[in-house]
C-alpha atoms as a PDB file:
ATOM      1  CA  MET A   1      14.030  -2.011  25.173  1.00  0.00           C
ATOM      2  CA  LEU A   2      11.641  -0.155  22.903  1.00  0.00           C
ATOM      3  CA  THR A   3       7.993  -0.964  23.077  1.00  0.00           C
ATOM      4  CA  GLU A   4       6.345  -1.832  19.778  1.00  0.00           C
ATOM      5  CA  LYS A   5       4.335   1.400  19.708  1.00  0.00           C
ATOM      6  CA  HIS A   6       7.562   3.417  19.322  1.00  0.00           C
ATOM      7  CA  ILE A   7       9.000   1.471  16.440  1.00  0.00           C
ATOM      8  CA  ILE A   8       7.487   0.883  13.029  1.00  0.00           C
ATOM      9  CA  ILE A   9       8.673  -2.076  10.983  1.00  0.00           C
ATOM     10  CA  ARG A  10       7.513  -1.906   7.385  1.00  0.00           C
ATOM     11  CA  GLU A  11       8.342  -3.375   4.020  1.00  0.00           C
ATOM     12  CA  ALA A  12      10.998  -1.409   2.153  1.00  0.00           C
ATOM     13  CA  THR A  13      10.149   0.017  -1.235  1.00  0.00           C
ATOM     14  CA  THR A  14      12.307  -0.349  -4.350  1.00  0.00           C
ATOM     15  CA  LYS A  15      13.171   3.336  -3.949  1.00  0.00           C
ATOM     16  CA  GLU A  16      14.958   2.363  -0.715  1.00  0.00           C
ATOM     17  CA  ASP A  17      17.337  -0.121  -2.360  1.00  0.00           C
ATOM     18  CA  SER A  18      20.151   2.448  -2.118  1.00  0.00           C
ATOM     19  CA  LEU A  19      19.483   2.818   1.605  1.00  0.00           C
ATOM     20  CA  ILE A  20      19.599  -0.969   2.030  1.00  0.00           C
ATOM     21  CA  ALA A  21      22.915  -0.981   0.141  1.00  0.00           C
ATOM     22  CA  LYS A  22      24.261   1.775   2.396  1.00  0.00           C
ATOM     23  CA  HIS A  23      23.302  -0.187   5.508  1.00  0.00           C
ATOM     24  CA  PHE A  24      24.947  -3.320   4.067  1.00  0.00           C
ATOM     25  CA  TYR A  25      28.160  -1.377   3.407  1.00  0.00           C
ATOM     26  CA  GLN A  26      28.121   0.204   6.871  1.00  0.00           C
ATOM     27  CA  MET A  27      27.560  -3.211   8.451  1.00  0.00           C
ATOM     28  CA  TRP A  28      30.841  -4.455   6.965  1.00  0.00           C
ATOM     29  CA  LEU A  29      32.707  -1.385   8.164  1.00  0.00           C
ATOM     30  CA  ASP A  30      31.237  -1.791  11.651  1.00  0.00           C
ATOM     31  CA  ILE A  31      32.492  -5.366  11.949  1.00  0.00           C
ATOM     32  CA  GLY A  32      36.011  -4.364  10.995  1.00  0.00           C
ATOM     33  CA  VAL A  33      36.306  -4.756   7.233  1.00  0.00           C
ATOM     34  CA  HIS A  34      38.522  -1.925   5.991  1.00  0.00           C
ATOM     35  CA  GLU A  35      36.968   0.118   3.189  1.00  0.00           C
ATOM     36  CA  SER A  36      39.988  -0.624   0.968  1.00  0.00           C
ATOM     37  CA  ASN A  37      38.759  -4.259   0.862  1.00  0.00           C
ATOM     38  CA  ILE A  38      35.346  -3.283  -0.498  1.00  0.00           C
ATOM     39  CA  HIS A  39      34.758  -2.580  -4.186  1.00  0.00           C
ATOM     40  CA  LEU A  40      34.357   1.111  -4.966  1.00  0.00           C
ATOM     41  CA  ASP A  41      31.185   0.183  -6.849  1.00  0.00           C
ATOM     42  CA  TRP A  42      29.658  -1.478  -3.745  1.00  0.00           C
ATOM     43  CA  GLN A  43      26.374   0.385  -4.071  1.00  0.00           C
ATOM     44  CA  ASN A  44      25.662  -0.696  -7.658  1.00  0.00           C
ATOM     45  CA  ILE A  45      26.803  -4.250  -6.924  1.00  0.00           C
ATOM     46  CA  THR A  46      24.428  -4.473  -3.964  1.00  0.00           C
ATOM     47  CA  ARG A  47      21.524  -2.885  -5.829  1.00  0.00           C
ATOM     48  CA  GLN A  48      22.001  -5.290  -8.745  1.00  0.00           C
ATOM     49  CA  PHE A  49      22.065  -8.220  -6.300  1.00  0.00           C
ATOM     50  CA  ILE A  50      18.827  -6.963  -4.735  1.00  0.00           C
ATOM     51  CA  GLU A  51      17.154  -6.592  -8.152  1.00  0.00           C
ATOM     52  CA  GLU A  52      18.146 -10.121  -9.185  1.00  0.00           C
ATOM     53  CA  SER A  53      17.090 -11.558  -5.830  1.00  0.00           C
ATOM     54  CA  ARG A  54      13.753  -9.749  -5.998  1.00  0.00           C
ATOM     55  CA  ARG A  55      13.174 -11.203  -9.469  1.00  0.00           C
ATOM     56  CA  ASP A  56      14.413 -14.755  -8.813  1.00  0.00           C
ATOM     57  CA  LEU A  57      14.380 -15.431  -5.047  1.00  0.00           C
ATOM     58  CA  PHE A  58      11.369 -13.560  -3.599  1.00  0.00           C
ATOM     59  CA  TYR A  59      13.643 -10.936  -1.994  1.00  0.00           C
ATOM     60  CA  LYS A  60      12.053  -8.562   0.476  1.00  0.00           C
ATOM     61  CA  ALA A  61      13.543  -5.980   2.818  1.00  0.00           C
ATOM     62  CA  PHE A  62      12.163  -4.427   5.958  1.00  0.00           C
ATOM     63  CA  ILE A  63      12.805  -0.990   7.406  1.00  0.00           C
ATOM     64  CA  ALA A  64      12.709   0.105  11.055  1.00  0.00           C
ATOM     65  CA  GLU A  65      11.542   3.661  11.697  1.00  0.00           C
ATOM     66  CA  ILE A  66      11.369   5.713  14.861  1.00  0.00           C
ATOM     67  CA  ASP A  67       9.705   9.123  14.641  1.00  0.00           C
ATOM     68  CA  ASN A  68       9.757   8.956  10.820  1.00  0.00           C
ATOM     69  CA  THR A  69      13.509   8.319  10.831  1.00  0.00           C
ATOM     70  CA  VAL A  70      14.917   5.122   9.305  1.00  0.00           C
ATOM     71  CA  VAL A  71      17.128   3.498  11.930  1.00  0.00           C
ATOM     72  CA  GLY A  72      17.643   0.011  10.517  1.00  0.00           C
ATOM     73  CA  SER A  73      16.928  -2.558   7.859  1.00  0.00           C
ATOM     74  CA  ALA A  74      17.057  -6.265   7.122  1.00  0.00           C
ATOM     75  CA  SER A  75      16.899  -8.268   3.901  1.00  0.00           C
ATOM     76  CA  CYS A  76      15.667 -11.780   3.250  1.00  0.00           C
ATOM     77  CA  GLN A  77      15.069 -14.125   0.343  1.00  0.00           C
ATOM     78  CA  LEU A  78      15.021 -17.749  -0.618  1.00  0.00           C
ATOM     79  CA  PHE A  79      18.437 -19.323  -0.133  1.00  0.00           C
ATOM     80  CA  ALA A  80      19.961 -19.953  -3.543  1.00  0.00           C
ATOM     81  CA  GLY A  81      22.110 -22.780  -2.222  1.00  0.00           C
ATOM     82  CA  LEU A  82      25.750 -23.686  -2.410  1.00  0.00           C
ATOM     83  CA  TYR A  83      25.040 -26.760  -4.497  1.00  0.00           C
ATOM     84  CA  PRO A  84      22.211 -27.978  -6.770  1.00  0.00           C
ATOM     85  CA  ILE A  85      18.917 -28.054  -4.907  1.00  0.00           C
ATOM     86  CA  VAL A  86      17.579 -31.556  -5.515  1.00  0.00           C
ATOM     87  CA  PHE A  87      15.192 -31.737  -2.549  1.00  0.00           C
ATOM     88  CA  LYS A  88      11.457 -31.199  -2.626  1.00  0.00           C
ATOM     89  CA  ASP A  89      10.348 -27.927  -1.019  1.00  0.00           C
ATOM     90  CA  GLU A  90       8.411 -29.663   1.734  1.00  0.00           C
ATOM     91  CA  TYR A  91      11.645 -31.391   2.811  1.00  0.00           C
ATOM     92  CA  ARG A  92      14.105 -28.517   2.468  1.00  0.00           C
ATOM     93  CA  LYS A  93      13.296 -24.977   1.435  1.00  0.00           C
ATOM     94  CA  PHE A  94      15.647 -22.549   3.117  1.00  0.00           C
ATOM     95  CA  GLY A  95      15.216 -18.837   3.582  1.00  0.00           C
ATOM     96  CA  TYR A  96      18.187 -16.539   4.071  1.00  0.00           C
ATOM     97  CA  ILE A  97      18.346 -13.362   6.151  1.00  0.00           C
ATOM     98  CA  TRP A  98      21.149 -10.934   5.430  1.00  0.00           C
ATOM     99  CA  GLY A  99      22.169  -7.328   5.987  1.00  0.00           C
ATOM    100  CA  VAL A 100      20.494  -6.834   9.355  1.00  0.00           C
ATOM    101  CA  TYR A 101      21.684  -3.384  10.355  1.00  0.00           C
ATOM    102  CA  VAL A 102      20.719  -0.853  13.013  1.00  0.00           C
ATOM    103  CA  GLU A 103      22.219   2.631  13.325  1.00  0.00           C
ATOM    104  CA  GLN A 104      24.713   2.676  16.182  1.00  0.00           C
ATOM    105  CA  SER A 105      22.797   5.102  18.424  1.00  0.00           C
ATOM    106  CA  TYR A 106      19.688   2.864  18.229  1.00  0.00           C
ATOM    107  CA  ARG A 107      21.334  -0.465  19.017  1.00  0.00           C
ATOM    108  CA  ARG A 108      20.508  -2.623  22.044  1.00  0.00           C
ATOM    109  CA  GLN A 109      16.871  -1.549  21.961  1.00  0.00           C
ATOM    110  CA  GLY A 110      15.351  -4.622  20.312  1.00  0.00           C
ATOM    111  CA  ILE A 111      15.236  -3.211  16.786  1.00  0.00           C
ATOM    112  CA  ALA A 112      17.388  -5.923  15.160  1.00  0.00           C
ATOM    113  CA  LYS A 113      15.209  -8.522  16.849  1.00  0.00           C
ATOM    114  CA  CYS A 114      12.038  -6.895  15.462  1.00  0.00           C
ATOM    115  CA  LEU A 115      13.521  -6.709  11.955  1.00  0.00           C
ATOM    116  CA  THR A 116      14.658 -10.318  12.091  1.00  0.00           C
ATOM    117  CA  ASN A 117      11.254 -11.468  13.339  1.00  0.00           C
ATOM    118  CA  GLN A 118       9.575  -9.690  10.421  1.00  0.00           C
ATOM    119  CA  ALA A 119      11.929 -11.414   7.977  1.00  0.00           C
ATOM    120  CA  ILE A 120      11.212 -14.788   9.621  1.00  0.00           C
ATOM    121  CA  GLU A 121       7.468 -14.236   9.269  1.00  0.00           C
ATOM    122  CA  TYR A 122       7.858 -13.431   5.576  1.00  0.00           C
ATOM    123  CA  LEU A 123       9.978 -16.550   5.004  1.00  0.00           C
ATOM    124  CA  LYS A 124       7.303 -18.639   6.758  1.00  0.00           C
ATOM    125  CA  VAL A 125       4.748 -17.270   4.279  1.00  0.00           C
ATOM    126  CA  LEU A 126       7.024 -18.477   1.462  1.00  0.00           C
ATOM    127  CA  GLY A 127       6.894 -21.966   2.969  1.00  0.00           C
ATOM    128  CA  CYS A 128      10.492 -22.095   4.134  1.00  0.00           C
ATOM    129  CA  THR A 129      11.419 -25.036   6.338  1.00  0.00           C
ATOM    130  CA  ARG A 130      14.500 -23.342   7.827  1.00  0.00           C
ATOM    131  CA  VAL A 131      15.993 -19.880   8.061  1.00  0.00           C
ATOM    132  CA  VAL A 132      19.750 -19.425   7.827  1.00  0.00           C
ATOM    133  CA  LEU A 133      21.967 -16.406   8.351  1.00  0.00           C
ATOM    134  CA  ASN A 134      25.555 -15.490   9.035  1.00  0.00           C
ATOM    135  CA  ALA A 135      25.883 -13.571  12.293  1.00  0.00           C
ATOM    136  CA  SER A 136      28.415 -10.968  13.304  1.00  0.00           C
ATOM    137  CA  PRO A 137      29.778 -11.340  16.842  1.00  0.00           C
ATOM    138  CA  SER A 138      27.438  -8.589  18.060  1.00  0.00           C
ATOM    139  CA  GLY A 139      24.473 -10.158  16.268  1.00  0.00           C
ATOM    140  CA  LYS A 140      24.871 -13.660  17.706  1.00  0.00           C
ATOM    141  CA  PRO A 141      23.052 -12.887  20.987  1.00  0.00           C
ATOM    142  CA  VAL A 142      20.128 -11.412  19.045  1.00  0.00           C
ATOM    143  CA  TYR A 143      19.747 -14.491  16.870  1.00  0.00           C
ATOM    144  CA  SER A 144      20.321 -16.904  19.756  1.00  0.00           C
ATOM    145  CA  SER A 145      17.488 -15.211  21.646  1.00  0.00           C
ATOM    146  CA  LEU A 146      15.222 -15.958  18.663  1.00  0.00           C
ATOM    147  CA  GLY A 147      16.096 -19.650  18.738  1.00  0.00           C
ATOM    148  CA  PHE A 148      18.820 -19.780  16.065  1.00  0.00           C
ATOM    149  CA  SER A 149      21.408 -22.460  16.766  1.00  0.00           C
ATOM    150  CA  GLU A 150      25.141 -21.884  16.659  1.00  0.00           C
ATOM    151  CA  GLY A 151      26.615 -23.214  13.429  1.00  0.00           C
ATOM    152  CA  ASN A 152      29.586 -25.472  12.945  1.00  0.00           C
ATOM    153  CA  LEU A 153      31.365 -23.686  10.111  1.00  0.00           C
ATOM    154  CA  MET A 154      34.813 -25.024   9.314  1.00  0.00           C
ATOM    155  CA  GLN A 155      37.187 -22.757   7.413  1.00  0.00           C
ATOM    156  CA  LEU A 156      40.644 -22.808   5.906  1.00  0.00           C
ATOM    157  CA  ASP A 157      42.225 -19.433   5.213  1.00  0.00           C
ATOM    158  CA  LEU A 158      44.226 -19.383   1.998  1.00  0.00           C
ATOM    159  CA  ILE A 159      45.574 -15.845   2.205  1.00  0.00           C
END
């Protein structure tokens, strides 16, 4: 486990949107999505999503650096919802964390946990009442250790 003096977690700049997009793409490859199932224009799609989320949903990303080398990133924003949001903020205002990624050679050193904690702190500042995320199998232990509960997602595959 890295000590905090070795790792720097900082807010990403808009100039790093392409890096965030690259990490997001690599995350999907790492969990087994074949590149043929990802749009060729993945980088522009992700950057456009980030721009819209920054404008409309208080998007912010965080970067992990070790010795001036970027080794990971995480994104967060207000959760846009899957249905109309009719609740008052003080009752239900969800934040969403996505794209938590750490370079393979730096994994299992607490970096994803540090990035996620930084995103949680930002979402608290926004007044969120809950943080939600979708975890990969390798990410579940990280999020469980931070107090996230296991979800009860029901699915029906149509293809």
